[in-house]
Amino acid sequence: MSNRMSTVERKSRSSHRPAPYALNVKVKNIENLKEALTQREPRLLIRNIPKDCTQTDLIPLIPVLPTEIKAIEFLKKTDMSPAGAAVVVLASYEGMSKAALADGRELRGHNLWAVKDVEGMRSLSLLQKLGHKNDSAAISRKPSTNSPVEPVVIPAELMQKVDLSLLNNIKAALSTLSGEKKPSPVDSIRQRSVKVRNLPDSATYDRISQVFLGCGTIESISEGNYKNEVIIKFTNADEADLAVRFYNGRRMDGKRLQVLYRDR
């Protein structure tokens, strides 16, 4: 019986081990980052990493062989300060799926947030939030004022594979190209807030902030009530949407969190 228990324990420990290769692996950077993000390829966006994170720190947390990692680029703000995010290009889609298991791993008190970003939309959106203009040739080319913009037709078979959350970004880009003015959205505190239930008794303000910082900028966290639930207010509704999509069901100190929309 003791032998069986020791085997189970060994398997449990092995599932949390870092990637099985040396820490001195050096991966090249991504050349022409914005242009590269417009191309479809297996790629991860990793956020909520320490500002002083290096390849030596990050690579052991990505559970793939070194040959699967083609390039890594640490994103920076317009003032060239670290943004706490990185784009990782993988050699295959199978490797990308394995690398995505880095989501939730801890690095110096930061819980990593890793999502598949094959189309590059999330990375480009993050760069825009950091103040970078999208000046790549594939997107910045404006149509002539004399010729009308042709409507974009998406095949039905492709629509079944499109992530519907990306359509708003596509519509916004088309509106910009055609010169249309997009109405400014109405700011609703309830729409950019989420309710987090079933928190463990050990959950503190700092611990909750570390877990949900990967979704965006947190404006405030309410005090927990007798049901062990809090309200987290983000700066926009998109960040609240990410919190629900990626953190609902995530375990925290043995308890499975319930992350719900507050008013949607």
Protein backbone atom coordinates (compact mmCIF):
# COMPACT_ATOMS: atom_id res chain seq x y z
CA MET A 1 0.00 0.00 0.00
CA SER A 2 2.83 2.35 0.86
CA ASN A 3 4.44 1.63 -2.52
CA ARG A 4 1.24 2.58 -4.33
CA MET A 5 0.91 5.82 -2.39
CA SER A 6 4.50 6.77 -3.11
CA THR A 7 3.90 6.18 -6.84
CA VAL A 8 0.85 8.47 -6.81
CA GLU A 9 2.80 11.13 -4.95
CA ARG A 10 5.63 10.93 -7.47
CA LYS A 11 3.19 11.37 -10.37
CA SER A 12 1.57 14.34 -8.62
CA ARG A 13 4.90 16.03 -8.09
CA SER A 14 6.06 15.37 -11.66
CA SER A 15 3.00 17.13 -13.10
CA HIS A 16 4.16 20.38 -11.49
CA ARG A 17 7.80 20.18 -12.51
CA PRO A 18 9.27 22.81 -14.85
CA ALA A 19 10.22 22.07 -18.42
CA PRO A 20 12.90 19.31 -18.62
CA TYR A 21 15.88 21.22 -19.95
CA ALA A 22 18.71 23.46 -18.81
CA LEU A 23 18.24 27.07 -17.79
CA ASN A 24 20.92 28.37 -20.17
CA VAL A 25 18.72 27.93 -23.27
CA LYS A 26 18.75 31.08 -25.42
CA VAL A 27 15.83 31.77 -27.78
CA LYS A 28 15.88 34.48 -30.45
CA ASN A 29 13.62 37.52 -30.31
CA ILE A 30 10.71 38.13 -32.70
CA GLU A 31 11.77 40.32 -35.63
CA ASN A 32 9.28 42.99 -36.79
CA LEU A 33 6.88 42.15 -33.95
CA LYS A 34 3.75 43.96 -35.16
CA GLU A 35 4.06 42.60 -38.69
CA ALA A 36 4.67 39.09 -37.32
CA LEU A 37 1.51 39.30 -35.20
CA THR A 38 -0.65 39.74 -38.31
CA GLN A 39 0.42 36.28 -39.53
CA ARG A 40 -1.34 33.13 -38.38
CA GLU A 41 1.01 30.82 -36.47
CA PRO A 42 1.08 28.90 -33.17
CA ARG A 43 1.67 31.55 -30.54
CA LEU A 44 1.03 32.32 -26.86
CA LEU A 45 0.49 35.60 -25.05
CA ILE A 46 1.77 35.38 -21.47
CA ARG A 47 0.83 38.18 -19.06
CA ASN A 48 1.31 38.99 -15.38
CA ILE A 49 5.01 38.14 -15.38
CA PRO A 50 7.50 40.06 -13.19
CA LYS A 51 8.78 43.25 -14.82
CA ASP A 52 12.39 42.00 -14.53
CA CYS A 53 11.58 38.57 -15.99
CA THR A 54 14.15 37.07 -18.39
CA GLN A 55 14.21 34.04 -20.70
CA THR A 56 16.06 32.15 -17.97
CA ASP A 57 13.09 32.71 -15.64
CA LEU A 58 10.29 32.09 -18.15
CA ILE A 59 11.45 29.16 -20.30
CA PRO A 60 11.48 26.53 -17.49
CA LEU A 61 7.79 27.27 -16.83
CA ILE A 62 6.75 26.46 -20.44
CA PRO A 63 6.22 22.67 -20.52
CA VAL A 64 7.62 21.90 -24.00
CA LEU A 65 10.97 20.81 -25.39
CA PRO A 66 13.40 23.61 -26.32
CA THR A 67 13.07 22.80 -30.03
CA GLU A 68 9.37 23.75 -29.83
CA ILE A 69 10.11 27.37 -28.82
CA LYS A 70 11.05 29.41 -31.91
CA ALA A 71 11.10 32.92 -30.42
CA ILE A 72 10.19 35.00 -27.37
CA GLU A 73 9.59 38.74 -27.26
CA PHE A 74 9.09 40.61 -23.97
CA LEU A 75 6.64 43.44 -24.62
CA LYS A 76 7.54 46.99 -23.60
CA LYS A 77 5.66 50.23 -23.14
CA THR A 78 6.33 53.24 -25.36
CA ASP A 79 8.89 54.51 -22.82
CA MET A 80 10.72 51.14 -23.26
CA SER A 81 9.92 50.01 -19.71
CA PRO A 82 8.85 46.34 -19.29
CA ALA A 83 5.11 45.69 -19.63
CA GLY A 84 5.01 42.41 -17.71
CA ALA A 85 4.00 40.41 -20.80
CA ALA A 86 5.63 38.25 -23.46
CA VAL A 87 4.77 36.68 -26.83
CA VAL A 88 6.02 33.12 -27.36
CA VAL A 89 6.12 31.59 -30.86
CA LEU A 90 5.93 27.77 -31.02
CA ALA A 91 7.05 25.43 -33.78
CA SER A 92 3.74 23.52 -33.96
CA TYR A 93 0.11 23.77 -32.86
CA GLU A 94 0.57 20.66 -30.75
CA GLY A 95 3.44 22.38 -28.96
CA MET A 96 1.26 25.46 -28.48
CA SER A 97 -1.41 23.38 -26.74
CA LYS A 98 1.19 21.91 -24.40
CA ALA A 99 2.79 25.30 -23.74
CA ALA A 100 -0.61 26.74 -22.80
CA LEU A 101 -0.43 24.58 -19.65
CA ALA A 102 1.91 27.25 -18.27
CA ASP A 103 -1.28 29.16 -17.45
CA GLY A 104 -1.60 29.50 -13.68
CA ARG A 105 2.01 28.63 -12.87
CA GLU A 106 3.68 30.87 -10.31
CA LEU A 107 6.80 32.97 -10.85
CA ARG A 108 8.02 34.96 -7.88
CA GLY A 109 4.53 35.47 -6.51
CA HIS A 110 2.94 36.17 -9.91
CA ASN A 111 0.37 33.73 -11.34
CA LEU A 112 1.02 33.54 -15.09
CA TRP A 113 -1.86 34.09 -17.50
CA ALA A 114 -1.15 32.24 -20.76
CA VAL A 115 -3.64 32.21 -23.68
CA LYS A 116 -3.40 31.00 -27.26
CA ASP A 117 -3.04 33.96 -29.63
CA VAL A 118 -2.79 32.36 -33.07
CA GLU A 119 -4.27 35.40 -34.85
CA GLY A 120 -2.21 37.93 -32.85
CA MET A 121 -5.34 39.95 -31.98
CA ARG A 122 -4.81 39.84 -28.21
CA SER A 123 -1.15 40.86 -28.48
CA LEU A 124 -1.94 43.73 -30.87
CA SER A 125 -4.73 44.88 -28.54
CA LEU A 126 -2.33 44.84 -25.59
CA LEU A 127 0.28 46.81 -27.56
CA GLN A 128 -2.38 49.40 -28.35
CA LYS A 129 -3.21 49.70 -24.64
CA LEU A 130 0.49 50.21 -23.94
CA GLY A 131 0.49 53.19 -26.32
CA HIS A 132 1.94 51.57 -29.45
CA LYS A 133 0.40 52.55 -32.78
CA ASN A 134 -0.43 49.69 -35.12
CA ASP A 135 1.79 50.80 -38.00
CA SER A 136 2.35 47.42 -39.68
CA ALA A 137 1.96 47.45 -43.46
CA ALA A 138 -0.85 44.89 -43.40
CA ILE A 139 -3.14 47.10 -41.30
CA SER A 140 -2.01 50.71 -41.59
CA ARG A 141 -2.57 50.97 -45.36
CA LYS A 142 -5.49 53.40 -45.78
CA PRO A 143 -7.84 53.14 -48.77
CA SER A 144 -8.04 55.91 -51.34
CA THR A 145 -10.73 58.52 -50.63
CA ASN A 146 -11.92 58.24 -54.26
CA SER A 147 -12.67 54.51 -54.10
CA PRO A 148 -15.28 53.10 -51.71
CA VAL A 149 -14.33 50.41 -49.24
CA GLU A 150 -15.41 46.99 -50.46
CA PRO A 151 -17.38 44.92 -47.97
CA VAL A 152 -15.55 41.99 -46.38
CA VAL A 153 -17.22 38.61 -47.03
CA ILE A 154 -16.33 35.78 -44.64
CA PRO A 155 -17.08 32.22 -45.86
CA ALA A 156 -19.66 30.29 -43.82
CA GLU A 157 -17.26 27.43 -43.07
CA LEU A 158 -14.75 29.92 -41.65
CA MET A 159 -17.37 31.61 -39.47
CA GLN A 160 -17.78 28.36 -37.55
CA LYS A 161 -14.09 28.55 -36.52
CA VAL A 162 -13.99 32.29 -35.72
CA ASP A 163 -13.85 33.30 -32.05
CA LEU A 164 -16.87 35.61 -31.76
CA SER A 165 -15.05 37.72 -29.19
CA LEU A 166 -12.75 38.93 -32.00
CA LEU A 167 -15.55 40.30 -34.21
CA ASN A 168 -15.81 43.56 -32.27
CA ASN A 169 -12.10 44.17 -32.86
CA ILE A 170 -12.52 43.48 -36.59
CA LYS A 171 -15.53 45.83 -36.83
CA ALA A 172 -13.61 48.56 -35.02
CA ALA A 173 -10.68 48.20 -37.46
CA LEU A 174 -13.01 48.42 -40.49
CA SER A 175 -14.72 51.50 -39.06
CA THR A 176 -11.33 53.18 -38.65
CA LEU A 177 -10.33 52.38 -42.25
CA SER A 178 -13.60 53.69 -43.67
CA GLY A 179 -13.43 56.91 -41.65
CA GLU A 180 -16.59 56.17 -39.68
CA LYS A 181 -16.83 57.65 -36.19
CA LYS A 182 -17.46 55.04 -33.57
CA PRO A 183 -19.80 56.17 -30.79
CA SER A 184 -18.08 56.26 -27.44
CA PRO A 185 -19.38 53.46 -25.19
CA VAL A 186 -21.30 54.29 -22.04
CA ASP A 187 -19.15 53.62 -19.00
CA SER A 188 -20.98 51.31 -16.60
CA ILE A 189 -19.34 50.35 -13.33
CA ARG A 190 -21.54 47.25 -13.11
CA GLN A 191 -20.57 46.05 -16.59
CA ARG A 192 -16.85 46.27 -15.83
CA SER A 193 -17.19 44.53 -12.46
CA VAL A 194 -17.25 40.83 -11.58
CA LYS A 195 -18.40 38.97 -8.50
CA VAL A 196 -15.99 36.34 -7.14
CA ARG A 197 -17.54 33.71 -4.86
CA ASN A 198 -16.30 30.73 -2.83
CA LEU A 199 -13.02 32.39 -1.87
CA PRO A 200 -10.88 30.54 0.68
CA ASP A 201 -10.50 32.02 4.17
CA SER A 202 -6.82 32.66 3.35
CA ALA A 203 -7.68 35.02 0.46
CA THR A 204 -6.28 38.49 1.16
CA TYR A 205 -6.49 41.68 -0.90
CA ASP A 206 -2.92 41.22 -2.17
CA ARG A 207 -3.49 37.55 -3.05
CA ILE A 208 -6.68 38.31 -4.99
CA SER A 209 -4.90 41.16 -6.81
CA GLN A 210 -2.05 38.85 -7.88
CA VAL A 211 -4.46 36.26 -9.29
CA PHE A 212 -6.66 38.66 -11.29
CA LEU A 213 -4.00 41.17 -12.36
CA GLY A 214 -3.48 39.17 -15.54
CA CYS A 215 -6.91 40.30 -16.80
CA GLY A 216 -6.07 44.00 -16.73
CA THR A 217 -6.01 47.00 -14.40
CA ILE A 218 -7.90 46.55 -11.13
CA GLU A 219 -9.53 49.72 -9.80
CA SER A 220 -10.83 48.31 -6.54
CA ILE A 221 -11.69 45.13 -4.63
CA SER A 222 -14.53 45.21 -2.10
CA GLU A 223 -14.25 43.73 1.36
CA GLY A 224 -15.32 40.10 1.62
CA ASN A 225 -18.74 39.38 3.14
CA TYR A 226 -19.94 36.46 5.23
CA LYS A 227 -20.33 34.37 2.04
CA ASN A 228 -16.63 34.83 1.18
CA GLU A 229 -17.37 36.82 -1.96
CA VAL A 230 -15.94 40.11 -3.27
CA ILE A 231 -16.60 42.54 -6.12
CA ILE A 232 -13.63 43.33 -8.40
CA LYS A 233 -13.90 46.49 -10.49
CA PHE A 234 -11.76 46.72 -13.67
CA THR A 235 -11.20 49.70 -15.97
CA ASN A 236 -13.34 48.34 -18.81
CA ALA A 237 -15.85 45.60 -19.65
CA ASP A 238 -13.37 43.62 -21.78
CA GLU A 239 -11.16 43.02 -18.74
CA ALA A 240 -14.17 41.83 -16.76
CA ASP A 241 -15.01 39.47 -19.64
CA LEU A 242 -11.49 37.97 -19.50
CA ALA A 243 -11.82 37.43 -15.75
CA VAL A 244 -15.02 35.41 -16.22
CA ARG A 245 -13.74 33.42 -19.22
CA PHE A 246 -10.35 32.45 -17.82
CA TYR A 247 -10.74 32.41 -14.04
CA ASN A 248 -14.19 30.93 -13.44
CA GLY A 249 -13.52 27.46 -12.03
CA ARG A 250 -9.87 28.19 -11.18
CA ARG A 251 -8.80 26.69 -7.85
CA MET A 252 -7.41 28.85 -5.06
CA ASP A 253 -6.06 27.09 -1.97
CA GLY A 254 -8.23 24.05 -2.71
CA LYS A 255 -11.47 25.96 -3.41
CA ARG A 256 -12.95 26.31 -6.90
CA LEU A 257 -13.70 29.99 -7.57
CA GLN A 258 -16.96 31.21 -9.08
CA VAL A 259 -16.35 34.31 -11.23
CA LEU A 260 -19.61 35.80 -12.48
CA TYR A 261 -20.71 38.86 -14.42
CA ARG A 262 -22.17 41.42 -12.05
CA ASP A 263 -24.69 42.94 -14.43
CA ARG A 264 -24.68 40.98 -17.72
